[in-house]
Each structure stands twice: as C-alpha cells, then as structure tokens.
Amino acid sequence: MNVLEEWTALVCRELGIDPATVDRDLVLDLTRDVAHGVARPAAPLTAYLLGLAQGAGTAPPDAAALLSAKAAEWTRD
C-alpha cells in the first residue's frame, strides 16, 4: 500500500466511510483541474464543497465532471 492508499483507508475508517465508495482518482483529477484552471487554494475548497453537496444529496451524478469543465472555462475579469 502506498501512502495515499494508507491515508485514504485511515480517513475512511475514522469517518465511518466505506473506502469502496471513494473514487480517489476522480477527486484528484478534479482538484488538479481546479488548481490549474482557477487557483491552487480553490482545489481543496472545491473538493470539500463537492463532498458537502454529495452528502446532502444535491450533487448531480456528474458533479466532478461539471466542476472540472467549469475550471477549464474559468476566466478572471
């Protein structure tokens, strides 16, 4: 197991989350897209907001893809 797998397993255990329900690569891809397309500090914030929306049942099934696309389109005025 690598460090990322170990950390994910530990956090899932501590938070009572089934690790099988965590798509780690999807989250990492999303945060990469946001960090590069928007701003580095926006990446963890976006991951947190996505988690809140999914926990509340309000995130669409393709929410990560939607947010990645928004990050790619992001422009500052």
Protein backbone atom coordinates (compact mmCIF):
# COMPACT_ATOMS: atom_id res chain seq x y z
CA MET A 1 0.00 0.00 0.00
CA ASN A 2 1.31 3.46 -0.81
CA VAL A 3 0.98 6.50 1.43
CA LEU A 4 -2.09 7.81 -0.39
CA GLU A 5 -3.88 4.46 -0.07
CA GLU A 6 -2.94 4.22 3.61
CA TRP A 7 -4.14 7.77 4.29
CA THR A 8 -7.40 7.17 2.43
CA ALA A 9 -8.04 3.97 4.37
CA LEU A 10 -7.30 5.69 7.69
CA VAL A 11 -9.53 8.68 6.97
CA CYS A 12 -12.36 6.45 5.75
CA ARG A 13 -12.10 4.34 8.89
CA GLU A 14 -12.10 7.42 11.15
CA LEU A 15 -15.07 8.99 9.35
CA GLY A 16 -17.08 5.79 9.00
CA ILE A 17 -16.91 5.81 5.20
CA ASP A 18 -16.76 2.67 3.11
CA PRO A 19 -13.48 3.01 1.15
CA ALA A 20 -15.12 1.24 -1.78
CA THR A 21 -17.38 4.27 -2.25
CA VAL A 22 -14.46 6.68 -2.61
CA ASP A 23 -13.31 7.44 -6.14
CA ARG A 24 -9.91 8.82 -5.18
CA ASP A 25 -8.75 9.33 -8.78
CA LEU A 26 -11.87 11.33 -9.59
CA VAL A 27 -11.24 13.66 -6.64
CA LEU A 28 -7.55 14.00 -7.50
CA ASP A 29 -8.36 14.79 -11.13
CA LEU A 30 -10.94 17.37 -10.08
CA THR A 31 -8.59 19.10 -7.67
CA ARG A 32 -5.82 19.13 -10.28
CA ASP A 33 -8.15 20.75 -12.81
CA VAL A 34 -9.30 23.37 -10.31
CA ALA A 35 -5.76 24.09 -9.05
CA HIS A 36 -4.52 24.66 -12.60
CA GLY A 37 -7.61 26.33 -14.03
CA VAL A 38 -8.70 28.54 -11.14
CA ALA A 39 -6.26 28.78 -8.24
CA ARG A 40 -4.41 26.30 -6.05
CA PRO A 41 -6.38 27.17 -2.87
CA ALA A 42 -9.63 26.60 -4.76
CA ALA A 43 -8.82 22.89 -5.15
CA PRO A 44 -9.37 21.69 -1.56
CA LEU A 45 -12.30 24.07 -1.17
CA THR A 46 -13.95 22.61 -4.27
CA ALA A 47 -13.39 19.05 -3.04
CA TYR A 48 -14.95 19.99 0.30
CA LEU A 49 -17.95 21.65 -1.37
CA LEU A 50 -18.44 18.64 -3.63
CA GLY A 51 -18.42 16.41 -0.55
CA LEU A 52 -20.98 18.60 1.18
CA ALA A 53 -23.24 18.55 -1.86
CA GLN A 54 -22.96 14.78 -2.22
CA GLY A 55 -23.59 14.26 1.48
CA ALA A 56 -26.68 16.41 1.26
CA GLY A 57 -27.84 14.51 -1.83
CA THR A 58 -27.82 17.63 -4.01
CA ALA A 59 -24.81 16.95 -6.23
CA PRO A 60 -25.66 15.72 -9.72
CA PRO A 61 -24.15 12.35 -10.63
CA ASP A 62 -21.60 14.01 -12.91
CA ALA A 63 -20.77 16.84 -10.49
CA ALA A 64 -17.00 16.32 -10.63
CA ALA A 65 -17.02 16.42 -14.43
CA LEU A 66 -19.17 19.55 -14.35
CA LEU A 67 -16.78 21.26 -11.93
CA SER A 68 -13.73 20.22 -13.95
CA ALA A 69 -15.34 21.73 -17.04
CA LYS A 70 -16.13 24.94 -15.14
CA ALA A 71 -12.49 25.13 -14.02
CA ALA A 72 -11.33 24.74 -17.62
CA GLU A 73 -13.66 27.57 -18.70
CA TRP A 74 -12.71 29.83 -15.77
CA THR A 75 -11.57 33.30 -16.66
CA ARG A 76 -10.92 36.22 -14.39
CA ASP A 77 -12.39 39.52 -15.35
